[in-house]
Each structure stands twice: as structure tokens, then as C-alpha cells.
Amino acid sequence: MPRRKGDAVRERRNVKIRGLVQGVFFRDTVRRVASHYDVAGFVRNVGVSVVEIEAEGERETVAAFIHDVLAHPPSGARIDDVDSLAVALAGDRGFLIARSIG
């Protein structure tokens, strides 16, 4: 079905942030920032120095949310590298801090 003018494009992005991102309230900061945006998904620790975010919503909203997270990390954090890619929509509701892996 073709998109109608005015229809918002939804997307889900997986973002991996590497650096000094654990032990500095990074996940809580991401959750707090998410509460200001209409996004769903999760944030979790992966391994020793990676925080993973998956955020789903209107493309422009997801981009603004990710930009805000990267522009305003918690004090004490250091972002060394960011990988971001589009992934399949999951239809999540709400944004949460998920269980750490690795």
C-alpha cells in the first residue's frame, strides 16, 4: 500500500555506544530522556563498555531522541564510538531499562 502524504514513517534503530558508559547512570539518563519523546524500546548494558539502545517511533522523533542522548550524556560518561543501524519494527510499548547481557 503506498504511503499517503502526511503519513509518518516509523523506524526502529539499534544504537551501540562505546566508552565510559557504565557506572555513570547512563541507562537511567537514557530512560529519562526517552520519557520526553514518543519512543518505545529499551536500553541495556552489553559487555564491559557498551550501552545498547533500541528505539522505535516516527523517524524524526527517533533521530531527535538519539541526538539528545548523545548530546547530553551524564557527567562522568565518555562516548568513544557510536554505531547505529535500522532494524525491524518490534511494536514495543513504553521504554525500559532491560537486563544487562554479557
C-alpha atoms as a PDB file:
ATOM      1  CA  MET A   1       0.000   0.000   0.000  1.00  0.00           C
ATOM      2  CA  PRO A   2       1.527   3.372  -0.955  1.00  0.00           C
ATOM      3  CA  ARG A   3       2.202   5.935   1.725  1.00  0.00           C
ATOM      4  CA  ARG A   4      -0.206   8.866   1.837  1.00  0.00           C
ATOM      5  CA  LYS A   5       1.030  12.412   2.161  1.00  0.00           C
ATOM      6  CA  GLY A   6       1.360  13.224   5.848  1.00  0.00           C
ATOM      7  CA  ASP A   7       1.839   9.613   6.972  1.00  0.00           C
ATOM      8  CA  ALA A   8       4.756   9.394   9.374  1.00  0.00           C
ATOM      9  CA  VAL A   9       7.470   6.876   8.598  1.00  0.00           C
ATOM     10  CA  ARG A  10       8.187   4.630  11.571  1.00  0.00           C
ATOM     11  CA  GLU A  11      11.530   3.056  12.211  1.00  0.00           C
ATOM     12  CA  ARG A  12      13.471   1.208  14.876  1.00  0.00           C
ATOM     13  CA  ARG A  13      17.159   1.896  15.432  1.00  0.00           C
ATOM     14  CA  ASN A  14      19.729  -0.155  17.280  1.00  0.00           C
ATOM     15  CA  VAL A  15      22.434   2.107  18.697  1.00  0.00           C
ATOM     16  CA  LYS A  16      25.583   0.823  20.386  1.00  0.00           C
ATOM     17  CA  ILE A  17      27.536   3.406  22.373  1.00  0.00           C
ATOM     18  CA  ARG A  18      31.069   2.503  23.432  1.00  0.00           C
ATOM     19  CA  GLY A  19      33.208   4.236  26.003  1.00  0.00           C
ATOM     20  CA  LEU A  20      32.924   5.016  29.689  1.00  0.00           C
ATOM     21  CA  VAL A  21      29.184   4.374  29.796  1.00  0.00           C
ATOM     22  CA  GLN A  22      28.752   2.054  32.774  1.00  0.00           C
ATOM     23  CA  GLY A  23      28.690   3.116  36.402  1.00  0.00           C
ATOM     24  CA  VAL A  24      27.775   6.698  35.417  1.00  0.00           C
ATOM     25  CA  PHE A  25      23.944   6.377  35.329  1.00  0.00           C
ATOM     26  CA  PHE A  26      23.933   6.224  31.520  1.00  0.00           C
ATOM     27  CA  ARG A  27      20.964   3.828  31.276  1.00  0.00           C
ATOM     28  CA  ASP A  28      18.885   5.879  33.696  1.00  0.00           C
ATOM     29  CA  THR A  29      19.735   9.039  31.770  1.00  0.00           C
ATOM     30  CA  VAL A  30      18.616   7.388  28.511  1.00  0.00           C
ATOM     31  CA  ARG A  31      15.353   6.261  30.136  1.00  0.00           C
ATOM     32  CA  ARG A  32      14.749   9.777  31.448  1.00  0.00           C
ATOM     33  CA  VAL A  33      15.431  11.338  28.023  1.00  0.00           C
ATOM     34  CA  ALA A  34      13.101   8.767  26.409  1.00  0.00           C
ATOM     35  CA  SER A  35      10.274   9.934  28.680  1.00  0.00           C
ATOM     36  CA  HIS A  36      10.310  13.248  26.774  1.00  0.00           C
ATOM     37  CA  TYR A  37       9.867  11.554  23.385  1.00  0.00           C
ATOM     38  CA  ASP A  38       7.223   9.305  21.863  1.00  0.00           C
ATOM     39  CA  VAL A  39       9.592   6.339  21.528  1.00  0.00           C
ATOM     40  CA  ALA A  40       9.387   2.728  22.662  1.00  0.00           C
ATOM     41  CA  GLY A  41      12.183   0.248  23.255  1.00  0.00           C
ATOM     42  CA  PHE A  42      14.936  -0.355  25.751  1.00  0.00           C
ATOM     43  CA  VAL A  43      18.434   0.452  26.943  1.00  0.00           C
ATOM     44  CA  ARG A  44      20.821  -2.112  28.440  1.00  0.00           C
ATOM     45  CA  ASN A  45      24.476  -2.752  29.220  1.00  0.00           C
ATOM     46  CA  VAL A  46      26.256  -5.095  26.830  1.00  0.00           C
ATOM     47  CA  GLY A  47      29.622  -6.415  27.914  1.00  0.00           C
ATOM     48  CA  VAL A  48      32.008  -4.147  29.765  1.00  0.00           C
ATOM     49  CA  SER A  49      31.934  -0.805  27.953  1.00  0.00           C
ATOM     50  CA  VAL A  50      28.876  -0.793  25.693  1.00  0.00           C
ATOM     51  CA  VAL A  51      25.364   0.518  26.177  1.00  0.00           C
ATOM     52  CA  GLU A  52      22.784  -0.634  23.635  1.00  0.00           C
ATOM     53  CA  ILE A  53      19.659   1.346  22.831  1.00  0.00           C
ATOM     54  CA  GLU A  54      16.769   0.196  20.666  1.00  0.00           C
ATOM     55  CA  ALA A  55      14.250   2.929  19.971  1.00  0.00           C
ATOM     56  CA  GLU A  56      11.138   2.786  17.813  1.00  0.00           C
ATOM     57  CA  GLY A  57       8.829   5.572  16.697  1.00  0.00           C
ATOM     58  CA  GLU A  58       8.430   8.140  13.965  1.00  0.00           C
ATOM     59  CA  ARG A  59      11.729   8.507  12.117  1.00  0.00           C
ATOM     60  CA  GLU A  60      12.223  12.176  13.063  1.00  0.00           C
ATOM     61  CA  THR A  61      11.355  11.500  16.708  1.00  0.00           C
ATOM     62  CA  VAL A  62      13.807   8.595  16.964  1.00  0.00           C
ATOM     63  CA  ALA A  63      16.542  10.726  15.384  1.00  0.00           C
ATOM     64  CA  ALA A  64      15.870  13.603  17.810  1.00  0.00           C
ATOM     65  CA  PHE A  65      15.866  11.222  20.796  1.00  0.00           C
ATOM     66  CA  ILE A  66      19.206   9.658  19.807  1.00  0.00           C
ATOM     67  CA  HIS A  67      20.704  13.087  19.131  1.00  0.00           C
ATOM     68  CA  ASP A  68      19.581  14.269  22.586  1.00  0.00           C
ATOM     69  CA  VAL A  69      21.102  11.207  24.294  1.00  0.00           C
ATOM     70  CA  LEU A  70      24.436  11.710  22.526  1.00  0.00           C
ATOM     71  CA  ALA A  71      24.465  15.485  23.065  1.00  0.00           C
ATOM     72  CA  HIS A  72      23.687  15.257  26.787  1.00  0.00           C
ATOM     73  CA  PRO A  73      25.362  12.191  28.327  1.00  0.00           C
ATOM     74  CA  PRO A  74      25.604  12.019  32.113  1.00  0.00           C
ATOM     75  CA  SER A  75      28.555  13.737  33.736  1.00  0.00           C
ATOM     76  CA  GLY A  76      31.395  11.265  34.081  1.00  0.00           C
ATOM     77  CA  ALA A  77      30.497   9.473  30.843  1.00  0.00           C
ATOM     78  CA  ARG A  78      32.749   9.415  27.796  1.00  0.00           C
ATOM     79  CA  ILE A  79      31.487   8.379  24.375  1.00  0.00           C
ATOM     80  CA  ASP A  80      34.251   6.906  22.199  1.00  0.00           C
ATOM     81  CA  ASP A  81      32.226   5.365  19.367  1.00  0.00           C
ATOM     82  CA  VAL A  82      28.620   5.075  18.178  1.00  0.00           C
ATOM     83  CA  ASP A  83      27.142   2.522  15.757  1.00  0.00           C
ATOM     84  CA  SER A  84      23.563   2.986  14.610  1.00  0.00           C
ATOM     85  CA  LEU A  85      21.526   0.879  12.227  1.00  0.00           C
ATOM     86  CA  ALA A  86      17.900   0.414  11.284  1.00  0.00           C
ATOM     87  CA  VAL A  87      16.336  -2.869  12.431  1.00  0.00           C
ATOM     88  CA  ALA A  88      12.897  -4.447  12.078  1.00  0.00           C
ATOM     89  CA  LEU A  89       9.992  -2.823  13.886  1.00  0.00           C
ATOM     90  CA  ALA A  90       9.021  -4.713  17.048  1.00  0.00           C
ATOM     91  CA  GLY A  91       5.890  -2.878  18.139  1.00  0.00           C
ATOM     92  CA  ASP A  92       7.098  -2.307  21.703  1.00  0.00           C
ATOM     93  CA  ARG A  93       5.131  -0.127  24.079  1.00  0.00           C
ATOM     94  CA  GLY A  94       6.974   2.017  26.580  1.00  0.00           C
ATOM     95  CA  PHE A  95      10.690   2.422  27.142  1.00  0.00           C
ATOM     96  CA  LEU A  96      12.537   0.454  29.793  1.00  0.00           C
ATOM     97  CA  ILE A  97      15.906  -0.430  31.210  1.00  0.00           C
ATOM     98  CA  ALA A  98      16.421  -4.055  30.161  1.00  0.00           C
ATOM     99  CA  ARG A  99      18.527  -6.715  31.825  1.00  0.00           C
ATOM    100  CA  SER A 100      22.252  -6.440  31.047  1.00  0.00           C
ATOM    101  CA  ILE A 101      23.856  -9.072  28.834  1.00  0.00           C
ATOM    102  CA  GLY A 102      27.421 -10.309  28.620  1.00  0.00           C
END
